[in-house]
Amino acid sequence: MPAPAERMRQMRERRRKRGLRELRIVIPDPRLTSVRRRVAAQVARLIPSSEDEAMSSIEAVSEFDSPDRRADDEAR
């Protein structure tokens, strides 16, 4: 069996051949009280009317809400 580093290299190569690429992100840990407080403070500062406008814009371009997508989902 190949070494772990070689297996990872092979896996990445297989994914590249399929047009995929690994992406790693680092996010704040929601289990931490400090993070939860910071998020709560940010949410408290949101302006509902602005958020409604932003969500409307997002939904307008979302493939998940398109009639074609809903028809596909209903057919399943």
N, C-alpha and C. Protein backbone atom coordinates (compact mmCIF):
# COMPACT_ATOMS: atom_id res chain seq x y z
N MET A 1 0.85 -1.18 0.00
CA MET A 1 0.00 0.00 0.00
C MET A 1 0.90 1.24 0.00
N PRO A 2 0.55 2.23 -0.86
CA PRO A 2 1.37 3.45 -0.91
C PRO A 2 1.29 4.24 0.41
N ALA A 3 2.29 5.04 0.62
CA ALA A 3 2.34 5.91 1.80
C ALA A 3 1.18 6.91 1.75
N PRO A 4 0.75 7.43 2.90
CA PRO A 4 -0.37 8.38 2.92
C PRO A 4 -0.18 9.57 1.97
N ALA A 5 1.01 10.12 1.91
CA ALA A 5 1.24 11.28 1.03
C ALA A 5 1.04 10.89 -0.43
N GLU A 6 1.45 9.69 -0.78
CA GLU A 6 1.29 9.23 -2.16
C GLU A 6 -0.19 8.97 -2.47
N ARG A 7 -0.92 8.41 -1.52
CA ARG A 7 -2.36 8.19 -1.72
C ARG A 7 -3.08 9.53 -1.92
N MET A 8 -2.71 10.53 -1.15
CA MET A 8 -3.32 11.86 -1.32
C MET A 8 -3.00 12.43 -2.70
N ARG A 9 -1.75 12.27 -3.13
CA ARG A 9 -1.35 12.76 -4.45
C ARG A 9 -2.18 12.07 -5.54
N GLN A 10 -2.36 10.75 -5.41
CA GLN A 10 -3.14 10.00 -6.38
C GLN A 10 -4.61 10.44 -6.37
N MET A 11 -5.15 10.66 -5.18
CA MET A 11 -6.53 11.10 -5.08
C MET A 11 -6.70 12.47 -5.74
N ARG A 12 -5.78 13.38 -5.47
CA ARG A 12 -5.87 14.71 -6.09
C ARG A 12 -5.77 14.61 -7.60
N GLU A 13 -4.92 13.75 -8.09
CA GLU A 13 -4.77 13.56 -9.54
C GLU A 13 -6.06 13.01 -10.15
N ARG A 14 -6.68 12.05 -9.50
CA ARG A 14 -7.96 11.51 -9.99
C ARG A 14 -9.01 12.61 -10.03
N ARG A 15 -9.04 13.42 -8.99
CA ARG A 15 -10.02 14.52 -8.95
C ARG A 15 -9.74 15.54 -10.04
N ARG A 16 -8.49 15.88 -10.26
CA ARG A 16 -8.15 16.84 -11.32
C ARG A 16 -8.61 16.34 -12.68
N LYS A 17 -8.45 15.05 -12.91
CA LYS A 17 -8.89 14.46 -14.19
C LYS A 17 -10.40 14.58 -14.36
N ARG A 18 -11.12 14.63 -13.25
CA ARG A 18 -12.58 14.81 -13.29
C ARG A 18 -12.97 16.28 -13.26
N GLY A 19 -11.99 17.16 -13.30
CA GLY A 19 -12.27 18.60 -13.29
C GLY A 19 -12.53 19.15 -11.91
N LEU A 20 -12.09 18.44 -10.88
CA LEU A 20 -12.31 18.89 -9.50
C LEU A 20 -11.00 19.34 -8.87
N ARG A 21 -11.13 20.21 -7.91
CA ARG A 21 -9.96 20.67 -7.18
C ARG A 21 -10.32 20.82 -5.71
N GLU A 22 -9.43 20.40 -4.85
CA GLU A 22 -9.66 20.48 -3.41
C GLU A 22 -9.63 21.94 -2.97
N LEU A 23 -10.53 22.27 -2.08
CA LEU A 23 -10.59 23.62 -1.53
C LEU A 23 -10.70 23.49 -0.02
N ARG A 24 -9.84 24.17 0.68
CA ARG A 24 -9.89 24.15 2.14
C ARG A 24 -10.20 25.56 2.62
N ILE A 25 -11.09 25.64 3.58
CA ILE A 25 -11.39 26.94 4.16
C ILE A 25 -11.28 26.85 5.68
N VAL A 26 -10.99 27.95 6.28
CA VAL A 26 -10.92 28.04 7.73
C VAL A 26 -12.03 28.99 8.16
N ILE A 27 -12.84 28.52 9.09
CA ILE A 27 -13.97 29.32 9.55
C ILE A 27 -13.91 29.47 11.07
N PRO A 28 -14.56 30.50 11.59
CA PRO A 28 -14.64 30.63 13.05
C PRO A 28 -15.37 29.43 13.64
N ASP A 29 -14.94 29.00 14.80
CA ASP A 29 -15.53 27.83 15.47
C ASP A 29 -16.81 28.25 16.19
N PRO A 30 -17.97 27.83 15.69
CA PRO A 30 -19.23 28.25 16.31
C PRO A 30 -19.46 27.68 17.71
N ARG A 31 -18.60 26.76 18.14
CA ARG A 31 -18.74 26.21 19.49
C ARG A 31 -18.18 27.15 20.55
N LEU A 32 -17.36 28.12 20.11
CA LEU A 32 -16.74 29.05 21.06
C LEU A 32 -17.72 30.16 21.44
N THR A 33 -17.79 30.45 22.70
CA THR A 33 -18.67 31.52 23.19
C THR A 33 -18.31 32.86 22.55
N SER A 34 -17.02 33.13 22.40
CA SER A 34 -16.61 34.41 21.82
C SER A 34 -17.11 34.56 20.38
N VAL A 35 -17.09 33.48 19.64
CA VAL A 35 -17.58 33.52 18.26
C VAL A 35 -19.09 33.70 18.25
N ARG A 36 -19.78 32.99 19.11
CA ARG A 36 -21.23 33.11 19.16
C ARG A 36 -21.66 34.52 19.55
N ARG A 37 -20.93 35.14 20.46
CA ARG A 37 -21.24 36.53 20.84
C ARG A 37 -21.00 37.48 19.65
N ARG A 38 -19.90 37.28 18.97
CA ARG A 38 -19.59 38.13 17.82
C ARG A 38 -20.64 38.00 16.73
N VAL A 39 -21.07 36.79 16.44
CA VAL A 39 -22.11 36.58 15.43
C VAL A 39 -23.42 37.20 15.88
N ALA A 40 -23.77 37.02 17.14
CA ALA A 40 -25.02 37.60 17.66
C ALA A 40 -25.00 39.12 17.54
N ALA A 41 -23.85 39.73 17.82
CA ALA A 41 -23.75 41.19 17.71
C ALA A 41 -23.90 41.64 16.26
N GLN A 42 -23.31 40.87 15.34
CA GLN A 42 -23.43 41.22 13.93
C GLN A 42 -24.87 41.06 13.44
N VAL A 43 -25.54 40.03 13.87
CA VAL A 43 -26.94 39.81 13.49
C VAL A 43 -27.81 40.93 14.04
N ALA A 44 -27.53 41.36 15.26
CA ALA A 44 -28.32 42.43 15.87
C ALA A 44 -28.20 43.73 15.10
N ARG A 45 -27.08 43.93 14.41
CA ARG A 45 -26.88 45.17 13.65
C ARG A 45 -27.47 45.12 12.24
N LEU A 46 -28.00 43.97 11.82
CA LEU A 46 -28.57 43.87 10.48
C LEU A 46 -29.82 44.73 10.37
N ILE A 47 -30.00 45.28 9.20
CA ILE A 47 -31.19 46.09 8.92
C ILE A 47 -32.13 45.20 8.10
N PRO A 48 -33.28 44.82 8.68
CA PRO A 48 -34.16 43.86 8.01
C PRO A 48 -34.52 44.22 6.57
N SER A 49 -34.80 45.48 6.30
CA SER A 49 -35.19 45.86 4.93
C SER A 49 -34.04 45.64 3.94
N SER A 50 -32.83 45.89 4.37
CA SER A 50 -31.67 45.65 3.50
C SER A 50 -31.46 44.16 3.28
N GLU A 51 -31.67 43.39 4.32
CA GLU A 51 -31.50 41.94 4.20
C GLU A 51 -32.57 41.34 3.30
N ASP A 52 -33.80 41.86 3.39
CA ASP A 52 -34.87 41.39 2.50
C ASP A 52 -34.51 41.65 1.05
N GLU A 53 -33.95 42.83 0.80
CA GLU A 53 -33.54 43.18 -0.57
C GLU A 53 -32.42 42.25 -1.05
N ALA A 54 -31.47 42.00 -0.19
CA ALA A 54 -30.36 41.12 -0.55
C ALA A 54 -30.87 39.71 -0.83
N MET A 55 -31.75 39.20 0.01
CA MET A 55 -32.29 37.85 -0.20
C MET A 55 -33.11 37.77 -1.47
N SER A 56 -33.86 38.81 -1.78
CA SER A 56 -34.64 38.84 -3.02
C SER A 56 -33.72 38.77 -4.23
N SER A 57 -32.60 39.49 -4.17
CA SER A 57 -31.63 39.46 -5.27
C SER A 57 -31.02 38.08 -5.43
N ILE A 58 -30.67 37.48 -4.31
CA ILE A 58 -30.07 36.14 -4.34
C ILE A 58 -31.07 35.13 -4.89
N GLU A 59 -32.30 35.19 -4.41
CA GLU A 59 -33.32 34.25 -4.87
C GLU A 59 -33.64 34.44 -6.35
N ALA A 60 -33.52 35.66 -6.85
CA ALA A 60 -33.80 35.93 -8.25
C ALA A 60 -32.83 35.21 -9.18
N VAL A 61 -31.62 34.98 -8.73
CA VAL A 61 -30.63 34.31 -9.57
C VAL A 61 -30.35 32.88 -9.14
N SER A 62 -31.06 32.41 -8.15
CA SER A 62 -30.82 31.07 -7.61
C SER A 62 -31.43 30.01 -8.50
N GLU A 63 -30.64 29.00 -8.83
CA GLU A 63 -31.16 27.90 -9.63
C GLU A 63 -32.11 27.03 -8.83
N PHE A 64 -32.00 27.08 -7.51
CA PHE A 64 -32.82 26.22 -6.68
C PHE A 64 -34.28 26.64 -6.65
N ASP A 65 -34.57 27.88 -6.98
CA ASP A 65 -35.94 28.36 -6.96
C ASP A 65 -36.53 28.48 -8.36
N SER A 66 -35.77 28.06 -9.38
CA SER A 66 -36.26 28.20 -10.74
C SER A 66 -37.40 27.21 -11.00
N PRO A 67 -38.34 27.57 -11.87
CA PRO A 67 -39.45 26.65 -12.17
C PRO A 67 -38.95 25.30 -12.69
N ASP A 68 -37.88 25.32 -13.50
CA ASP A 68 -37.34 24.06 -14.02
C ASP A 68 -36.84 23.18 -12.89
N ARG A 69 -36.18 23.77 -11.93
CA ARG A 69 -35.64 23.01 -10.81
C ARG A 69 -36.77 22.43 -9.96
N ARG A 70 -37.80 23.24 -9.72
CA ARG A 70 -38.93 22.74 -8.92
C ARG A 70 -39.62 21.59 -9.64
N ALA A 71 -39.77 21.68 -10.94
CA ALA A 71 -40.41 20.61 -11.71
C ALA A 71 -39.59 19.34 -11.62
N ASP A 72 -38.25 19.48 -11.70
CA ASP A 72 -37.38 18.31 -11.56
C ASP A 72 -37.53 17.67 -10.19
N ASP A 73 -37.59 18.52 -9.15
CA ASP A 73 -37.72 18.01 -7.78
C ASP A 73 -39.05 17.30 -7.58
N GLU A 74 -40.12 17.87 -8.16
CA GLU A 74 -41.44 17.27 -8.00
C GLU A 74 -41.54 15.95 -8.74
N ALA A 75 -40.80 15.80 -9.83
CA ALA A 75 -40.85 14.58 -10.62
C ALA A 75 -40.18 13.41 -9.90
N ARG A 76 -39.33 13.71 -8.96
CA ARG A 76 -38.59 12.64 -8.25
C ARG A 76 -39.43 11.92 -7.27
